[in-house]
Amino acid sequence: MTDHAAPNLPSRDLDVTVAFYAAFGFEVAYRDDGWLVMHRGGLRLEFFAFPDLVPEHSSFMCSVRVDDVDELYGRIRQTGVVESDAGFPRLHPVRRQPWGQRAGFLIDPDGTQLNLIENVS
């Protein structure tokens, strides 16, 4: 295995987290009562149980860098996650960002923001 880092993100309910992320291609790699690891290709997200989390007050976030941001965004959208400025979960469309890269944003059911960023060639 190569060296890597994996974000540790909160989950109020691991069953809900599994269902949400599995809908757009993540698979469970490990799970116990307090920890969950999911992967999609080379992407790896780890979740810890945080039942008292208030999504509106969450400041958790991570960046997910992919070769085809439109494919990932489209898969998420096909699951019924809507583009909106409020609510959980929600999406913000893929656009060229002020820093020059194309990116969209997913806010998951627990209020965590995933920056969906297109890899630079």
C-alpha atoms as a PDB file:
ATOM      1  CA  MET A   1       0.000   0.000   0.000  1.00  0.00           C
ATOM      2  CA  THR A   2       1.267   3.484  -0.773  1.00  0.00           C
ATOM      3  CA  ASP A   3       1.356   6.243   1.798  1.00  0.00           C
ATOM      4  CA  HIS A   4      -1.826   8.274   1.897  1.00  0.00           C
ATOM      5  CA  ALA A   5      -3.932  10.573   4.046  1.00  0.00           C
ATOM      6  CA  ALA A   6      -7.643  10.126   4.639  1.00  0.00           C
ATOM      7  CA  PRO A   7     -10.027  12.743   5.976  1.00  0.00           C
ATOM      8  CA  ASN A   8     -11.849  11.867   9.201  1.00  0.00           C
ATOM      9  CA  LEU A   9     -15.408  13.119   8.888  1.00  0.00           C
ATOM     10  CA  PRO A  10     -18.339  13.073  11.322  1.00  0.00           C
ATOM     11  CA  SER A  11     -21.438  10.922  10.994  1.00  0.00           C
ATOM     12  CA  ARG A  12     -24.547  11.252  13.142  1.00  0.00           C
ATOM     13  CA  ASP A  13     -25.673   7.823  11.906  1.00  0.00           C
ATOM     14  CA  LEU A  14     -23.281   5.445  10.157  1.00  0.00           C
ATOM     15  CA  ASP A  15     -26.155   3.618   8.420  1.00  0.00           C
ATOM     16  CA  VAL A  16     -27.326   6.897   6.858  1.00  0.00           C
ATOM     17  CA  THR A  17     -23.753   7.733   5.842  1.00  0.00           C
ATOM     18  CA  VAL A  18     -23.306   4.333   4.159  1.00  0.00           C
ATOM     19  CA  ALA A  19     -26.564   4.677   2.228  1.00  0.00           C
ATOM     20  CA  PHE A  20     -25.793   8.251   1.144  1.00  0.00           C
ATOM     21  CA  TYR A  21     -22.256   7.662  -0.140  1.00  0.00           C
ATOM     22  CA  ALA A  22     -22.994   4.189  -1.565  1.00  0.00           C
ATOM     23  CA  ALA A  23     -25.644   5.727  -3.817  1.00  0.00           C
ATOM     24  CA  PHE A  24     -22.909   7.379  -5.874  1.00  0.00           C
ATOM     25  CA  GLY A  25     -20.337   4.636  -5.869  1.00  0.00           C
ATOM     26  CA  PHE A  26     -18.564   4.456  -2.523  1.00  0.00           C
ATOM     27  CA  GLU A  27     -18.153   1.001  -0.974  1.00  0.00           C
ATOM     28  CA  VAL A  28     -17.619   0.009   2.635  1.00  0.00           C
ATOM     29  CA  ALA A  29     -14.034  -1.107   3.281  1.00  0.00           C
ATOM     30  CA  TYR A  30     -14.298  -1.298   7.079  1.00  0.00           C
ATOM     31  CA  ARG A  31     -16.947  -0.726   9.694  1.00  0.00           C
ATOM     32  CA  ASP A  32     -17.444  -1.146  13.422  1.00  0.00           C
ATOM     33  CA  ASP A  33     -19.720   0.620  15.920  1.00  0.00           C
ATOM     34  CA  GLY A  34     -17.763   3.868  15.885  1.00  0.00           C
ATOM     35  CA  TRP A  35     -15.749   3.957  12.658  1.00  0.00           C
ATOM     36  CA  LEU A  36     -16.462   3.609   8.959  1.00  0.00           C
ATOM     37  CA  VAL A  37     -14.109   3.559   5.976  1.00  0.00           C
ATOM     38  CA  MET A  38     -15.502   3.936   2.459  1.00  0.00           C
ATOM     39  CA  HIS A  39     -13.735   4.059  -0.889  1.00  0.00           C
ATOM     40  CA  ARG A  40     -14.505   4.822  -4.522  1.00  0.00           C
ATOM     41  CA  GLY A  41     -11.590   3.971  -6.761  1.00  0.00           C
ATOM     42  CA  GLY A  42      -8.617   5.767  -5.224  1.00  0.00           C
ATOM     43  CA  LEU A  43     -10.772   7.986  -3.008  1.00  0.00           C
ATOM     44  CA  ARG A  44     -10.961   7.069   0.662  1.00  0.00           C
ATOM     45  CA  LEU A  45     -13.168   8.694   3.297  1.00  0.00           C
ATOM     46  CA  GLU A  46     -13.222   7.747   6.962  1.00  0.00           C
ATOM     47  CA  PHE A  47     -16.132   8.579   9.256  1.00  0.00           C
ATOM     48  CA  PHE A  48     -16.397   8.601  13.030  1.00  0.00           C
ATOM     49  CA  ALA A  49     -19.605   8.402  15.040  1.00  0.00           C
ATOM     50  CA  PHE A  50     -20.716  11.853  16.221  1.00  0.00           C
ATOM     51  CA  PRO A  51     -24.417  11.454  17.111  1.00  0.00           C
ATOM     52  CA  ASP A  52     -24.685  14.906  18.727  1.00  0.00           C
ATOM     53  CA  LEU A  53     -23.369  16.828  15.706  1.00  0.00           C
ATOM     54  CA  VAL A  54     -25.526  19.779  14.654  1.00  0.00           C
ATOM     55  CA  PRO A  55     -25.138  20.022  10.840  1.00  0.00           C
ATOM     56  CA  GLU A  56     -25.882  23.752  10.792  1.00  0.00           C
ATOM     57  CA  HIS A  57     -22.880  24.332  13.070  1.00  0.00           C
ATOM     58  CA  SER A  58     -20.480  21.919  11.381  1.00  0.00           C
ATOM     59  CA  SER A  59     -17.200  23.265  10.055  1.00  0.00           C
ATOM     60  CA  PHE A  60     -15.903  19.894   8.805  1.00  0.00           C
ATOM     61  CA  MET A  61     -14.683  19.806   5.208  1.00  0.00           C
ATOM     62  CA  CYS A  62     -12.313  18.022   2.871  1.00  0.00           C
ATOM     63  CA  SER A  63     -11.199  18.205  -0.746  1.00  0.00           C
ATOM     64  CA  VAL A  64     -11.839  15.361  -3.167  1.00  0.00           C
ATOM     65  CA  ARG A  65      -9.659  15.690  -6.257  1.00  0.00           C
ATOM     66  CA  VAL A  66     -10.708  13.671  -9.312  1.00  0.00           C
ATOM     67  CA  ASP A  67      -9.861  13.474 -13.004  1.00  0.00           C
ATOM     68  CA  ASP A  68     -13.534  13.761 -14.054  1.00  0.00           C
ATOM     69  CA  VAL A  69     -15.338  16.121 -11.679  1.00  0.00           C
ATOM     70  CA  ASP A  70     -18.356  16.257 -14.019  1.00  0.00           C
ATOM     71  CA  GLU A  71     -18.812  12.475 -13.781  1.00  0.00           C
ATOM     72  CA  LEU A  72     -18.707  12.482  -9.977  1.00  0.00           C
ATOM     73  CA  TYR A  73     -20.982  15.522  -9.741  1.00  0.00           C
ATOM     74  CA  GLY A  74     -23.422  13.918 -12.181  1.00  0.00           C
ATOM     75  CA  ARG A  75     -23.496  10.658 -10.190  1.00  0.00           C
ATOM     76  CA  ILE A  76     -24.285  12.574  -7.016  1.00  0.00           C
ATOM     77  CA  ARG A  77     -26.995  14.592  -8.774  1.00  0.00           C
ATOM     78  CA  GLN A  78     -28.588  11.387 -10.126  1.00  0.00           C
ATOM     79  CA  THR A  79     -29.157  10.246  -6.535  1.00  0.00           C
ATOM     80  CA  GLY A  80     -31.517  13.170  -6.000  1.00  0.00           C
ATOM     81  CA  VAL A  81     -29.190  15.600  -4.221  1.00  0.00           C
ATOM     82  CA  VAL A  82     -30.356  19.033  -5.335  1.00  0.00           C
ATOM     83  CA  GLU A  83     -28.502  22.227  -6.138  1.00  0.00           C
ATOM     84  CA  SER A  84     -29.440  24.652  -3.385  1.00  0.00           C
ATOM     85  CA  ASP A  85     -28.068  27.321  -1.076  1.00  0.00           C
ATOM     86  CA  ALA A  86     -29.667  25.739   1.996  1.00  0.00           C
ATOM     87  CA  GLY A  87     -30.479  22.355   3.472  1.00  0.00           C
ATOM     88  CA  PHE A  88     -28.688  19.035   3.832  1.00  0.00           C
ATOM     89  CA  PRO A  89     -27.620  17.373   1.616  1.00  0.00           C
ATOM     90  CA  ARG A  90     -27.096  19.836  -1.230  1.00  0.00           C
ATOM     91  CA  LEU A  91     -24.850  20.576  -4.196  1.00  0.00           C
ATOM     92  CA  HIS A  92     -23.221  23.688  -5.590  1.00  0.00           C
ATOM     93  CA  PRO A  93     -22.508  23.404  -9.341  1.00  0.00           C
ATOM     94  CA  VAL A  94     -19.124  22.765 -10.921  1.00  0.00           C
ATOM     95  CA  ARG A  95     -17.655  26.071 -12.098  1.00  0.00           C
ATOM     96  CA  ARG A  96     -14.284  27.640 -12.709  1.00  0.00           C
ATOM     97  CA  GLN A  97     -13.308  28.960  -9.290  1.00  0.00           C
ATOM     98  CA  PRO A  98     -11.394  32.171  -8.489  1.00  0.00           C
ATOM     99  CA  TRP A  99      -8.242  30.112  -7.900  1.00  0.00           C
ATOM    100  CA  GLY A 100      -8.425  28.813 -11.489  1.00  0.00           C
ATOM    101  CA  GLN A 101      -9.589  25.217 -11.119  1.00  0.00           C
ATOM    102  CA  ARG A 102     -13.023  23.764 -11.827  1.00  0.00           C
ATOM    103  CA  ALA A 103     -14.820  22.678  -8.678  1.00  0.00           C
ATOM    104  CA  GLY A 104     -18.254  21.974  -7.276  1.00  0.00           C
ATOM    105  CA  PHE A 105     -19.300  21.403  -3.703  1.00  0.00           C
ATOM    106  CA  LEU A 106     -21.281  18.724  -1.897  1.00  0.00           C
ATOM    107  CA  ILE A 107     -22.688  19.337   1.564  1.00  0.00           C
ATOM    108  CA  ASP A 108     -23.544  15.915   3.000  1.00  0.00           C
ATOM    109  CA  PRO A 109     -26.406  15.055   5.401  1.00  0.00           C
ATOM    110  CA  ASP A 110     -24.175  15.892   8.383  1.00  0.00           C
ATOM    111  CA  GLY A 111     -23.174  19.340   7.113  1.00  0.00           C
ATOM    112  CA  THR A 112     -19.691  18.314   5.944  1.00  0.00           C
ATOM    113  CA  GLN A 113     -18.512  20.165   2.842  1.00  0.00           C
ATOM    114  CA  LEU A 114     -16.689  18.118   0.216  1.00  0.00           C
ATOM    115  CA  ASN A 115     -14.858  20.280  -2.311  1.00  0.00           C
ATOM    116  CA  LEU A 116     -15.131  18.331  -5.576  1.00  0.00           C
ATOM    117  CA  ILE A 117     -12.071  19.551  -7.478  1.00  0.00           C
ATOM    118  CA  GLU A 118     -10.942  18.617 -10.970  1.00  0.00           C
ATOM    119  CA  ASN A 119      -7.333  17.428 -11.154  1.00  0.00           C
ATOM    120  CA  VAL A 120      -4.965  19.626 -13.108  1.00  0.00           C
ATOM    121  CA  SER A 121      -3.223  17.832 -15.965  1.00  0.00           C
END
